[in-house]
Amino acid sequence: MINPILAETVRGGIVDLRHRGAIAVSDPEGRLVWSSGDVERPVYPRSAVKLFQALPLVESGAADRFGFDDTQLAMACASHLAEEAHVAAAEAMLAKVGLKESDLACGSHWPLGDQTKLVEFVRSGQTPNQLHNNCSGKHAGFLCAACHQDIETGGYTGVEHEIQKQAMAAQEAMTEHRLTGAEFAIDGCSIPAFAFPLRALAHGFAKVATGHSLGVERAKATSRLMQACISNPWFTAGTGHFCTRIIEAGEGAIYAKNGADGVFVASLPEAGLGIALKCDDGSDPAAEVMLAGILLRLLGHDDTMRSRIEPLSRRPLTNRKGIEVGELRAALLE
């Protein structure tokens, strides 16, 4: 199947670049409400499923035992930009169990986001450590869940480690997709990554939105994590990040999370729907406008919601002098 064009770049009135992809929108019983493209082909959601991976932190009782607040729960689900408060929050999570930055196994990278802030970071003589990794909150959550259960923390990123087995089981249960082992890979932060069909991912995030068929305790845990992110979008991503902006635009009606290479998921608690999409060429900006476009299709009947989401379905293109020369926009979603 050749996936449809879901986003396009326009320059001078001519479509100059086309982005193909697939989108699945599911209800909590797994029925597709709307879809476009091949939603059965497995894709690696990677960071998009951090909420699923954080379930053992809450369900084991670790989050309550160590007094995690909603900002720290959001950090456990976050791909943050390593702004000062992000780094401090990840460090505080580790401190609750007597661990430190060197106990992480996610690796380090330079802070993401605003290049001006990165220049300031370098000029100040700072160098990044593992707390600056955009997955440090998730890894701190893994370590805290392990400590609470008296599980050895060494090697916690390995596929055979008990914490990763718990995270994998949560992903299987939420998506109702049985992993065979053929879908296994290693993520950028060294934890196991598994591939799922978009249809299954959308179903899982519809269950996050509604709690349908999850059982009392898991429904509480998924809702708690989702609401922590919705209430703290900055801790879920960071200043100016698309996830921050789209969650804020939803005013409680949208949870959204990006993954690497053009993947997005979303839960719509008021509509009771889940969304999963993949931009075929891996363009994150194109995936962002695709998500905004499908949200307009689903929620745009509300004029206030439409006015808040519509600007995110188009991204102006500017040249080196700041002159607007075109736009990236959602396509064929109405």
C-alpha atoms as a PDB file:
ATOM      1  CA  MET A   1       0.000   0.000   0.000  1.00  0.00           C
ATOM      2  CA  ILE A   2       1.248   3.487  -0.877  1.00  0.00           C
ATOM      3  CA  ASN A   3       0.309   5.807   1.960  1.00  0.00           C
ATOM      4  CA  PRO A   4      -1.513   9.049   1.137  1.00  0.00           C
ATOM      5  CA  ILE A   5      -0.027  12.534   1.235  1.00  0.00           C
ATOM      6  CA  LEU A   6      -0.909  13.968   4.657  1.00  0.00           C
ATOM      7  CA  ALA A   7       1.294  17.073   4.744  1.00  0.00           C
ATOM      8  CA  GLU A   8       2.857  19.299   2.141  1.00  0.00           C
ATOM      9  CA  THR A   9       5.259  22.193   1.819  1.00  0.00           C
ATOM     10  CA  VAL A  10       4.166  25.102  -0.349  1.00  0.00           C
ATOM     11  CA  ARG A  11       6.513  27.710  -1.812  1.00  0.00           C
ATOM     12  CA  GLY A  12       5.396  30.433  -4.168  1.00  0.00           C
ATOM     13  CA  GLY A  13       1.953  28.904  -4.531  1.00  0.00           C
ATOM     14  CA  ILE A  14       3.353  25.538  -5.685  1.00  0.00           C
ATOM     15  CA  VAL A  15       3.426  22.328  -3.663  1.00  0.00           C
ATOM     16  CA  ASP A  16       7.167  21.731  -3.436  1.00  0.00           C
ATOM     17  CA  LEU A  17       7.385  18.796  -1.003  1.00  0.00           C
ATOM     18  CA  ARG A  18       4.943  16.049  -0.062  1.00  0.00           C
ATOM     19  CA  HIS A  19       4.915  13.911   3.088  1.00  0.00           C
ATOM     20  CA  ARG A  20       3.114  10.574   3.059  1.00  0.00           C
ATOM     21  CA  GLY A  21       1.937   8.786   6.147  1.00  0.00           C
ATOM     22  CA  ALA A  22      -0.732   6.791   7.915  1.00  0.00           C
ATOM     23  CA  ILE A  23      -3.163   7.683  10.689  1.00  0.00           C
ATOM     24  CA  ALA A  24      -5.419   5.512  12.858  1.00  0.00           C
ATOM     25  CA  VAL A  25      -8.208   6.827  15.074  1.00  0.00           C
ATOM     26  CA  SER A  26      -9.742   4.224  17.375  1.00  0.00           C
ATOM     27  CA  ASP A  27     -12.524   3.982  19.900  1.00  0.00           C
ATOM     28  CA  PRO A  28     -11.803   2.216  23.219  1.00  0.00           C
ATOM     29  CA  GLU A  29     -13.162  -1.099  21.925  1.00  0.00           C
ATOM     30  CA  GLY A  30     -10.617  -1.141  19.115  1.00  0.00           C
ATOM     31  CA  ARG A  31     -12.924  -0.090  16.303  1.00  0.00           C
ATOM     32  CA  LEU A  32     -11.384   2.273  13.774  1.00  0.00           C
ATOM     33  CA  VAL A  33     -13.361   5.509  13.706  1.00  0.00           C
ATOM     34  CA  TRP A  34     -11.206   6.921  10.906  1.00  0.00           C
ATOM     35  CA  SER A  35      -8.025   5.833   9.211  1.00  0.00           C
ATOM     36  CA  SER A  36      -5.828   6.691   6.287  1.00  0.00           C
ATOM     37  CA  GLY A  37      -2.991   4.621   4.886  1.00  0.00           C
ATOM     38  CA  ASP A  38      -1.565   1.327   6.110  1.00  0.00           C
ATOM     39  CA  VAL A  39      -2.392   1.166   9.824  1.00  0.00           C
ATOM     40  CA  GLU A  40      -1.444  -2.523  10.140  1.00  0.00           C
ATOM     41  CA  ARG A  41       2.252  -2.123   9.320  1.00  0.00           C
ATOM     42  CA  PRO A  42       4.329  -2.221  12.526  1.00  0.00           C
ATOM     43  CA  VAL A  43       6.162   0.988  13.409  1.00  0.00           C
ATOM     44  CA  TYR A  44       8.446   1.832  16.313  1.00  0.00           C
ATOM     45  CA  PRO A  45       6.592   4.357  18.509  1.00  0.00           C
ATOM     46  CA  ARG A  46       9.637   4.717  20.786  1.00  0.00           C
ATOM     47  CA  SER A  47       9.112   7.753  23.059  1.00  0.00           C
ATOM     48  CA  ALA A  48       5.436   7.999  22.107  1.00  0.00           C
ATOM     49  CA  VAL A  49       4.647   5.113  24.514  1.00  0.00           C
ATOM     50  CA  LYS A  50       6.378   6.534  27.579  1.00  0.00           C
ATOM     51  CA  LEU A  51       3.041   6.695  29.388  1.00  0.00           C
ATOM     52  CA  PHE A  52       2.717   2.909  28.991  1.00  0.00           C
ATOM     53  CA  GLN A  53       6.310   2.450  30.171  1.00  0.00           C
ATOM     54  CA  ALA A  54       5.591   4.550  33.278  1.00  0.00           C
ATOM     55  CA  LEU A  55       2.710   2.324  34.411  1.00  0.00           C
ATOM     56  CA  PRO A  56       4.916   0.097  36.640  1.00  0.00           C
ATOM     57  CA  LEU A  57       6.055   3.220  38.507  1.00  0.00           C
ATOM     58  CA  VAL A  58       2.471   3.993  39.512  1.00  0.00           C
ATOM     59  CA  GLU A  59       1.004   0.495  39.713  1.00  0.00           C
ATOM     60  CA  SER A  60       3.802  -0.866  41.904  1.00  0.00           C
ATOM     61  CA  GLY A  61       3.126   1.835  44.499  1.00  0.00           C
ATOM     62  CA  ALA A  62       6.519   3.473  43.959  1.00  0.00           C
ATOM     63  CA  ALA A  63       5.095   6.844  42.959  1.00  0.00           C
ATOM     64  CA  ASP A  64       3.061   7.040  46.161  1.00  0.00           C
ATOM     65  CA  ARG A  65       5.794   5.674  48.414  1.00  0.00           C
ATOM     66  CA  PHE A  66       8.314   8.249  47.203  1.00  0.00           C
ATOM     67  CA  GLY A  67       5.819  11.120  47.100  1.00  0.00           C
ATOM     68  CA  PHE A  68       5.922  11.879  43.386  1.00  0.00           C
ATOM     69  CA  ASP A  69       3.889  14.939  42.468  1.00  0.00           C
ATOM     70  CA  ASP A  70       2.244  15.498  39.088  1.00  0.00           C
ATOM     71  CA  THR A  71       5.276  17.300  37.643  1.00  0.00           C
ATOM     72  CA  GLN A  72       7.447  14.277  38.386  1.00  0.00           C
ATOM     73  CA  LEU A  73       4.858  11.897  36.943  1.00  0.00           C
ATOM     74  CA  ALA A  74       4.806  14.057  33.812  1.00  0.00           C
ATOM     75  CA  MET A  75       8.611  13.831  33.720  1.00  0.00           C
ATOM     76  CA  ALA A  76       8.374  10.034  33.804  1.00  0.00           C
ATOM     77  CA  CYS A  77       6.357  10.298  30.556  1.00  0.00           C
ATOM     78  CA  ALA A  78       8.361  13.158  29.069  1.00  0.00           C
ATOM     79  CA  SER A  79      10.738  13.845  26.229  1.00  0.00           C
ATOM     80  CA  HIS A  80      11.998  17.060  27.763  1.00  0.00           C
ATOM     81  CA  LEU A  81      14.294  19.755  26.394  1.00  0.00           C
ATOM     82  CA  ALA A  82      16.750  19.693  29.343  1.00  0.00           C
ATOM     83  CA  GLU A  83      15.798  23.125  30.590  1.00  0.00           C
ATOM     84  CA  GLU A  84      16.977  23.813  34.140  1.00  0.00           C
ATOM     85  CA  ALA A  85      13.785  22.707  35.869  1.00  0.00           C
ATOM     86  CA  HIS A  86      13.677  19.504  33.805  1.00  0.00           C
ATOM     87  CA  VAL A  87      17.179  18.572  34.897  1.00  0.00           C
ATOM     88  CA  ALA A  88      16.397  19.451  38.504  1.00  0.00           C
ATOM     89  CA  ALA A  89      13.201  17.368  38.462  1.00  0.00           C
ATOM     90  CA  ALA A  90      14.983  14.271  37.141  1.00  0.00           C
ATOM     91  CA  GLU A  91      17.705  14.698  39.752  1.00  0.00           C
ATOM     92  CA  ALA A  92      15.098  15.058  42.515  1.00  0.00           C
ATOM     93  CA  MET A  93      13.382  11.863  41.385  1.00  0.00           C
ATOM     94  CA  LEU A  94      16.644   9.944  41.719  1.00  0.00           C
ATOM     95  CA  ALA A  95      17.389  11.528  45.097  1.00  0.00           C
ATOM     96  CA  LYS A  96      14.169  10.090  46.494  1.00  0.00           C
ATOM     97  CA  VAL A  97      15.740   6.611  46.266  1.00  0.00           C
ATOM     98  CA  GLY A  98      19.292   7.624  47.088  1.00  0.00           C
ATOM     99  CA  LEU A  99      20.545   7.456  43.502  1.00  0.00           C
ATOM    100  CA  LYS A 100      22.410   9.981  41.369  1.00  0.00           C
ATOM    101  CA  GLU A 101      23.149  10.884  37.765  1.00  0.00           C
ATOM    102  CA  SER A 102      25.787   8.172  37.362  1.00  0.00           C
ATOM    103  CA  ASP A 103      23.159   5.501  38.098  1.00  0.00           C
ATOM    104  CA  LEU A 104      21.336   6.407  34.895  1.00  0.00           C
ATOM    105  CA  ALA A 105      22.104   4.405  31.758  1.00  0.00           C
ATOM    106  CA  CYS A 106      20.489   6.638  29.132  1.00  0.00           C
ATOM    107  CA  GLY A 107      23.627   8.399  27.919  1.00  0.00           C
ATOM    108  CA  SER A 108      23.998  12.143  27.524  1.00  0.00           C
ATOM    109  CA  HIS A 109      23.397  14.668  24.784  1.00  0.00           C
ATOM    110  CA  TRP A 110      23.322  18.438  24.466  1.00  0.00           C
ATOM    111  CA  PRO A 111      20.137  20.228  25.588  1.00  0.00           C
ATOM    112  CA  LEU A 112      17.491  20.395  22.877  1.00  0.00           C
ATOM    113  CA  GLY A 113      15.210  23.233  21.827  1.00  0.00           C
ATOM    114  CA  ASP A 114      16.131  26.924  21.793  1.00  0.00           C
ATOM    115  CA  GLN A 115      19.534  27.365  20.151  1.00  0.00           C
ATOM    116  CA  THR A 116      20.112  30.616  22.016  1.00  0.00           C
ATOM    117  CA  LYS A 117      19.868  28.751  25.308  1.00  0.00           C
ATOM    118  CA  LEU A 118      22.247  26.107  23.986  1.00  0.00           C
ATOM    119  CA  VAL A 119      24.809  28.783  23.126  1.00  0.00           C
ATOM    120  CA  GLU A 120      24.460  30.192  26.649  1.00  0.00           C
ATOM    121  CA  PHE A 121      24.913  26.687  28.051  1.00  0.00           C
ATOM    122  CA  VAL A 122      28.160  26.215  26.123  1.00  0.00           C
ATOM    123  CA  ARG A 123      29.501  29.706  26.886  1.00  0.00           C
ATOM    124  CA  SER A 124      28.916  29.146  30.595  1.00  0.00           C
ATOM    125  CA  GLY A 125      31.357  26.256  30.440  1.00  0.00           C
ATOM    126  CA  GLN A 126      28.751  23.580  31.153  1.00  0.00           C
ATOM    127  CA  THR A 127      28.839  20.141  29.602  1.00  0.00           C
ATOM    128  CA  PRO A 128      25.845  17.814  29.384  1.00  0.00           C
ATOM    129  CA  ASN A 129      25.409  14.777  31.573  1.00  0.00           C
ATOM    130  CA  GLN A 130      22.769  12.056  31.605  1.00  0.00           C
ATOM    131  CA  LEU A 131      20.249  14.287  33.385  1.00  0.00           C
ATOM    132  CA  HIS A 132      20.191  16.361  30.189  1.00  0.00           C
ATOM    133  CA  ASN A 133      19.067  13.357  28.169  1.00  0.00           C
ATOM    134  CA  ASN A 134      15.488  13.958  27.079  1.00  0.00           C
ATOM    135  CA  CYS A 135      14.590  10.526  28.507  1.00  0.00           C
ATOM    136  CA  SER A 136      16.130  11.068  31.955  1.00  0.00           C
ATOM    137  CA  GLY A 137      12.719  11.357  33.629  1.00  0.00           C
ATOM    138  CA  LYS A 138      11.606   8.024  32.193  1.00  0.00           C
ATOM    139  CA  HIS A 139      14.835   6.377  33.324  1.00  0.00           C
ATOM    140  CA  ALA A 140      14.517   7.883  36.797  1.00  0.00           C
ATOM    141  CA  GLY A 141      11.021   6.373  36.897  1.00  0.00           C
ATOM    142  CA  PHE A 142      12.396   2.946  35.985  1.00  0.00           C
ATOM    143  CA  LEU A 143      14.989   3.149  38.758  1.00  0.00           C
ATOM    144  CA  CYS A 144      12.474   4.286  41.370  1.00  0.00           C
ATOM    145  CA  ALA A 145      10.094   1.476  40.411  1.00  0.00           C
ATOM    146  CA  ALA A 146      12.950  -1.013  40.734  1.00  0.00           C
ATOM    147  CA  CYS A 147      14.049   0.301  44.131  1.00  0.00           C
ATOM    148  CA  HIS A 148      10.516   0.131  45.481  1.00  0.00           C
ATOM    149  CA  GLN A 149      10.254  -3.521  44.452  1.00  0.00           C
ATOM    150  CA  ASP A 150      13.745  -4.404  45.742  1.00  0.00           C
ATOM    151  CA  ILE A 151      14.875  -5.171  42.199  1.00  0.00           C
ATOM    152  CA  GLU A 152      18.572  -4.800  41.391  1.00  0.00           C
ATOM    153  CA  THR A 153      19.029  -1.567  39.427  1.00  0.00           C
ATOM    154  CA  GLY A 154      22.171  -2.639  37.591  1.00  0.00           C
ATOM    155  CA  GLY A 155      21.450  -3.491  33.976  1.00  0.00           C
ATOM    156  CA  TYR A 156      17.958  -2.000  34.198  1.00  0.00           C
ATOM    157  CA  THR A 157      17.904  -1.185  30.475  1.00  0.00           C
ATOM    158  CA  GLY A 158      18.287  -4.826  29.420  1.00  0.00           C
ATOM    159  CA  VAL A 159      15.387  -6.644  27.800  1.00  0.00           C
ATOM    160  CA  GLU A 160      15.634  -9.425  30.407  1.00  0.00           C
ATOM    161  CA  HIS A 161      15.602  -7.045  33.376  1.00  0.00           C
ATOM    162  CA  GLU A 162      12.431  -7.262  35.450  1.00  0.00           C
ATOM    163  CA  ILE A 163      11.606  -3.564  35.029  1.00  0.00           C
ATOM    164  CA  GLN A 164      11.770  -3.832  31.243  1.00  0.00           C
ATOM    165  CA  LYS A 165       9.661  -6.980  31.363  1.00  0.00           C
ATOM    166  CA  GLN A 166       7.046  -5.010  33.301  1.00  0.00           C
ATOM    167  CA  ALA A 167       7.212  -2.144  30.792  1.00  0.00           C
ATOM    168  CA  MET A 168       6.872  -4.565  27.870  1.00  0.00           C
ATOM    169  CA  ALA A 169       3.908  -6.313  29.499  1.00  0.00           C
ATOM    170  CA  ALA A 170       2.199  -2.950  29.988  1.00  0.00           C
ATOM    171  CA  GLN A 171       2.681  -2.094  26.305  1.00  0.00           C
ATOM    172  CA  GLU A 172       1.276  -5.457  25.203  1.00  0.00           C
ATOM    173  CA  ALA A 173      -1.726  -5.173  27.502  1.00  0.00           C
ATOM    174  CA  MET A 174      -2.551  -1.599  26.548  1.00  0.00           C
ATOM    175  CA  THR A 175      -2.337  -2.234  22.802  1.00  0.00           C
ATOM    176  CA  GLU A 176      -3.698  -5.797  22.938  1.00  0.00           C
ATOM    177  CA  HIS A 177      -0.908  -6.663  20.513  1.00  0.00           C
ATOM    178  CA  ARG A 178       1.166  -9.733  21.311  1.00  0.00           C
ATOM    179  CA  LEU A 179       4.882  -9.211  20.790  1.00  0.00           C
ATOM    180  CA  THR A 180       6.702 -12.146  19.229  1.00  0.00           C
ATOM    181  CA  GLY A 181      10.289 -10.931  19.556  1.00  0.00           C
ATOM    182  CA  ALA A 182      10.624 -10.059  15.875  1.00  0.00           C
ATOM    183  CA  GLU A 183       9.644  -6.457  16.707  1.00  0.00           C
ATOM    184  CA  PHE A 184      12.509  -5.958  19.165  1.00  0.00           C
ATOM    185  CA  ALA A 185      15.115  -3.200  18.783  1.00  0.00           C
ATOM    186  CA  ILE A 186      17.165  -0.875  21.001  1.00  0.00           C
ATOM    187  CA  ASP A 187      16.017   2.710  21.499  1.00  0.00           C
ATOM    188  CA  GLY A 188      18.219   5.795  21.464  1.00  0.00           C
ATOM    189  CA  CYS A 189      18.336   5.809  25.272  1.00  0.00           C
ATOM    190  CA  SER A 190      19.287   2.087  25.314  1.00  0.00           C
ATOM    191  CA  ILE A 191      16.010   0.575  26.534  1.00  0.00           C
ATOM    192  CA  PRO A 192      14.122  -2.073  24.529  1.00  0.00           C
ATOM    193  CA  ALA A 193      11.919  -0.695  21.747  1.00  0.00           C
ATOM    194  CA  PHE A 194       9.068  -2.653  20.198  1.00  0.00           C
ATOM    195  CA  ALA A 195       7.087  -2.136  17.005  1.00  0.00           C
ATOM    196  CA  PHE A 196       3.285  -1.994  16.950  1.00  0.00           C
ATOM    197  CA  PRO A 197       0.662  -1.414  14.261  1.00  0.00           C
ATOM    198  CA  LEU A 198      -0.790   2.080  14.351  1.00  0.00           C
ATOM    199  CA  ARG A 199      -4.228   0.534  14.796  1.00  0.00           C
ATOM    200  CA  ALA A 200      -3.099  -1.138  18.049  1.00  0.00           C
ATOM    201  CA  LEU A 201      -1.419   2.022  19.325  1.00  0.00           C
ATOM    202  CA  ALA A 202      -4.545   4.075  18.662  1.00  0.00           C
ATOM    203  CA  HIS A 203      -6.607   1.464  20.509  1.00  0.00           C
ATOM    204  CA  GLY A 204      -4.251   1.657  23.499  1.00  0.00           C
ATOM    205  CA  PHE A 205      -4.484   5.414  23.724  1.00  0.00           C
ATOM    206  CA  ALA A 206      -8.272   5.295  23.409  1.00  0.00           C
ATOM    207  CA  LYS A 207      -8.186   3.106  26.527  1.00  0.00           C
ATOM    208  CA  VAL A 208      -5.964   5.699  28.203  1.00  0.00           C
ATOM    209  CA  ALA A 209      -8.599   8.307  27.347  1.00  0.00           C
ATOM    210  CA  THR A 210     -11.480   6.297  28.798  1.00  0.00           C
ATOM    211  CA  GLY A 211     -10.177   3.567  31.117  1.00  0.00           C
ATOM    212  CA  HIS A 212     -12.302   1.109  29.129  1.00  0.00           C
ATOM    213  CA  SER A 213     -11.585  -2.584  29.905  1.00  0.00           C
ATOM    214  CA  LEU A 214      -8.509  -1.763  31.995  1.00  0.00           C
ATOM    215  CA  GLY A 215      -9.699  -2.763  35.434  1.00  0.00           C
ATOM    216  CA  VAL A 216      -9.959  -0.339  38.328  1.00  0.00           C
ATOM    217  CA  GLU A 217      -6.294  -0.027  39.283  1.00  0.00           C
ATOM    218  CA  ARG A 218      -4.868   0.258  35.775  1.00  0.00           C
ATOM    219  CA  ALA A 219      -7.590   2.725  34.786  1.00  0.00           C
ATOM    220  CA  LYS A 220      -6.603   4.871  37.780  1.00  0.00           C
ATOM    221  CA  ALA A 221      -2.923   4.648  36.872  1.00  0.00           C
ATOM    222  CA  THR A 222      -3.385   5.561  33.199  1.00  0.00           C
ATOM    223  CA  SER A 223      -5.702   8.433  34.060  1.00  0.00           C
ATOM    224  CA  ARG A 224      -3.305   9.704  36.706  1.00  0.00           C
ATOM    225  CA  LEU A 225      -0.388   9.767  34.272  1.00  0.00           C
ATOM    226  CA  MET A 226      -2.439  11.302  31.457  1.00  0.00           C
ATOM    227  CA  GLN A 227      -3.834  14.029  33.712  1.00  0.00           C
ATOM    228  CA  ALA A 228      -0.364  14.748  35.130  1.00  0.00           C
ATOM    229  CA  CYS A 229       0.841  15.421  31.593  1.00  0.00           C
ATOM    230  CA  ILE A 230      -2.224  17.451  30.617  1.00  0.00           C
ATOM    231  CA  SER A 231      -1.845  19.568  33.768  1.00  0.00           C
ATOM    232  CA  ASN A 232       1.915  20.010  33.259  1.00  0.00           C
ATOM    233  CA  PRO A 233       2.564  20.230  29.518  1.00  0.00           C
ATOM    234  CA  TRP A 234       5.833  22.080  30.037  1.00  0.00           C
ATOM    235  CA  PHE A 235       7.228  19.173  32.060  1.00  0.00           C
ATOM    236  CA  THR A 236       5.997  16.792  29.347  1.00  0.00           C
ATOM    237  CA  ALA A 237       8.093  18.570  26.723  1.00  0.00           C
ATOM    238  CA  GLY A 238       9.355  22.132  27.223  1.00  0.00           C
ATOM    239  CA  THR A 239       9.256  25.719  26.064  1.00  0.00           C
ATOM    240  CA  GLY A 240       7.824  26.063  22.563  1.00  0.00           C
ATOM    241  CA  HIS A 241       7.675  22.311  21.953  1.00  0.00           C
ATOM    242  CA  PHE A 242       4.731  21.148  19.859  1.00  0.00           C
ATOM    243  CA  CYS A 243       3.535  18.747  22.584  1.00  0.00           C
ATOM    244  CA  THR A 244       3.442  21.611  25.069  1.00  0.00           C
ATOM    245  CA  ARG A 245       1.522  23.798  22.645  1.00  0.00           C
ATOM    246  CA  ILE A 246      -1.036  21.214  21.510  1.00  0.00           C
ATOM    247  CA  ILE A 247      -1.789  20.057  25.067  1.00  0.00           C
ATOM    248  CA  GLU A 248      -2.241  23.684  26.117  1.00  0.00           C
ATOM    249  CA  ALA A 249      -4.475  24.294  23.088  1.00  0.00           C
ATOM    250  CA  GLY A 250      -6.693  21.398  24.130  1.00  0.00           C
ATOM    251  CA  GLU A 251      -7.398  22.890  27.567  1.00  0.00           C
ATOM    252  CA  GLY A 252      -7.841  19.422  29.067  1.00  0.00           C
ATOM    253  CA  ALA A 253      -9.252  17.722  25.976  1.00  0.00           C
ATOM    254  CA  ILE A 254      -5.946  16.567  24.420  1.00  0.00           C
ATOM    255  CA  TYR A 255      -3.017  14.464  25.575  1.00  0.00           C
ATOM    256  CA  ALA A 256      -0.351  14.154  22.878  1.00  0.00           C
ATOM    257  CA  LYS A 257       3.118  12.643  22.787  1.00  0.00           C
ATOM    258  CA  ASN A 258       5.697  12.476  20.045  1.00  0.00           C
ATOM    259  CA  GLY A 259       8.020   9.604  19.292  1.00  0.00           C
ATOM    260  CA  ALA A 260      11.135   9.625  17.159  1.00  0.00           C
ATOM    261  CA  ASP A 261      11.092   9.831  13.374  1.00  0.00           C
ATOM    262  CA  GLY A 262       7.625  11.164  12.711  1.00  0.00           C
ATOM    263  CA  VAL A 263       5.455   9.244  15.175  1.00  0.00           C
ATOM    264  CA  PHE A 264       2.686  10.786  17.287  1.00  0.00           C
ATOM    265  CA  VAL A 265      -0.005   9.435  19.580  1.00  0.00           C
ATOM    266  CA  ALA A 266      -2.857  11.224  21.305  1.00  0.00           C
ATOM    267  CA  SER A 267      -5.689  10.552  23.736  1.00  0.00           C
ATOM    268  CA  LEU A 268      -8.890  12.595  23.667  1.00  0.00           C
ATOM    269  CA  PRO A 269     -10.585  12.042  27.058  1.00  0.00           C
ATOM    270  CA  GLU A 270     -13.734  14.013  26.250  1.00  0.00           C
ATOM    271  CA  ALA A 271     -14.180  12.394  22.829  1.00  0.00           C
ATOM    272  CA  GLY A 272     -13.127   8.943  24.072  1.00  0.00           C
ATOM    273  CA  LEU A 273     -10.718   8.378  21.169  1.00  0.00           C
ATOM    274  CA  GLY A 274      -7.093   7.443  20.591  1.00  0.00           C
ATOM    275  CA  ILE A 275      -4.865   8.505  17.694  1.00  0.00           C
ATOM    276  CA  ALA A 276      -1.616   7.129  16.290  1.00  0.00           C
ATOM    277  CA  LEU A 277       0.226   8.337  13.208  1.00  0.00           C
ATOM    278  CA  LYS A 278       3.496   7.894  11.362  1.00  0.00           C
ATOM    279  CA  CYS A 279       5.023  10.232   8.802  1.00  0.00           C
ATOM    280  CA  ASP A 280       6.764   7.890   6.359  1.00  0.00           C
ATOM    281  CA  ASP A 281       9.847  10.026   5.810  1.00  0.00           C
ATOM    282  CA  GLY A 282      10.341  10.586   9.553  1.00  0.00           C
ATOM    283  CA  SER A 283       9.800  14.341   9.451  1.00  0.00           C
ATOM    284  CA  ASP A 284       8.783  15.497  12.912  1.00  0.00           C
ATOM    285  CA  PRO A 285       7.446  18.894  11.730  1.00  0.00           C
ATOM    286  CA  ALA A 286       5.303  17.131   9.130  1.00  0.00           C
ATOM    287  CA  ALA A 287       4.005  14.706  11.770  1.00  0.00           C
ATOM    288  CA  GLU A 288       3.073  17.665  13.963  1.00  0.00           C
ATOM    289  CA  VAL A 289       0.897  19.319  11.322  1.00  0.00           C
ATOM    290  CA  MET A 290      -0.612  15.916  10.476  1.00  0.00           C
ATOM    291  CA  LEU A 291      -1.689  15.515  14.096  1.00  0.00           C
ATOM    292  CA  ALA A 292      -3.089  19.043  14.220  1.00  0.00           C
ATOM    293  CA  GLY A 293      -4.976  18.333  11.013  1.00  0.00           C
ATOM    294  CA  ILE A 294      -6.650  15.197  12.361  1.00  0.00           C
ATOM    295  CA  LEU A 295      -7.466  16.995  15.619  1.00  0.00           C
ATOM    296  CA  LEU A 296      -9.213  19.671  13.565  1.00  0.00           C
ATOM    297  CA  ARG A 297     -11.204  16.931  11.846  1.00  0.00           C
ATOM    298  CA  LEU A 298     -12.213  15.393  15.177  1.00  0.00           C
ATOM    299  CA  LEU A 299     -12.616  18.457  17.408  1.00  0.00           C
ATOM    300  CA  GLY A 300     -12.960  21.362  14.999  1.00  0.00           C
ATOM    301  CA  HIS A 301     -16.743  21.495  15.247  1.00  0.00           C
ATOM    302  CA  ASP A 302     -16.121  23.560  18.388  1.00  0.00           C
ATOM    303  CA  ASP A 303     -15.217  27.044  17.178  1.00  0.00           C
ATOM    304  CA  THR A 304     -13.032  27.815  20.196  1.00  0.00           C
ATOM    305  CA  MET A 305     -11.110  24.566  19.839  1.00  0.00           C
ATOM    306  CA  ARG A 306     -10.713  25.132  16.104  1.00  0.00           C
ATOM    307  CA  SER A 307      -9.269  28.592  16.674  1.00  0.00           C
ATOM    308  CA  ARG A 308      -6.687  27.157  19.078  1.00  0.00           C
ATOM    309  CA  ILE A 309      -5.662  24.134  16.990  1.00  0.00           C
ATOM    310  CA  GLU A 310      -5.776  25.554  13.462  1.00  0.00           C
ATOM    311  CA  PRO A 311      -2.593  27.649  13.823  1.00  0.00           C
ATOM    312  CA  LEU A 312      -0.709  24.448  14.708  1.00  0.00           C
ATOM    313  CA  SER A 313      -1.813  22.754  11.470  1.00  0.00           C
ATOM    314  CA  ARG A 314       0.342  25.194   9.515  1.00  0.00           C
ATOM    315  CA  ARG A 315       3.997  26.057  10.047  1.00  0.00           C
ATOM    316  CA  PRO A 316       5.397  29.157   8.296  1.00  0.00           C
ATOM    317  CA  LEU A 317       8.706  28.718   6.480  1.00  0.00           C
ATOM    318  CA  THR A 318      11.092  31.633   6.792  1.00  0.00           C
ATOM    319  CA  ASN A 319      14.441  32.361   5.187  1.00  0.00           C
ATOM    320  CA  ARG A 320      17.642  33.546   6.868  1.00  0.00           C
ATOM    321  CA  LYS A 321      16.337  37.116   7.000  1.00  0.00           C
ATOM    322  CA  GLY A 322      13.107  36.100   8.688  1.00  0.00           C
ATOM    323  CA  ILE A 323      11.007  36.600   5.571  1.00  0.00           C
ATOM    324  CA  GLU A 324       8.087  34.165   5.234  1.00  0.00           C
ATOM    325  CA  VAL A 325       8.626  32.184   2.039  1.00  0.00           C
ATOM    326  CA  GLY A 326       6.108  29.361   2.313  1.00  0.00           C
ATOM    327  CA  GLU A 327       4.424  26.983   4.710  1.00  0.00           C
ATOM    328  CA  LEU A 328       4.209  23.384   5.818  1.00  0.00           C
ATOM    329  CA  ARG A 329       0.560  22.401   6.169  1.00  0.00           C
ATOM    330  CA  ALA A 330      -1.716  19.440   6.802  1.00  0.00           C
ATOM    331  CA  ALA A 331      -3.294  17.982   3.670  1.00  0.00           C
ATOM    332  CA  LEU A 332      -6.290  15.793   2.781  1.00  0.00           C
ATOM    333  CA  LEU A 333      -7.551  15.463   6.334  1.00  0.00           C
ATOM    334  CA  GLU A 334     -10.894  17.238   6.012  1.00  0.00           C
END
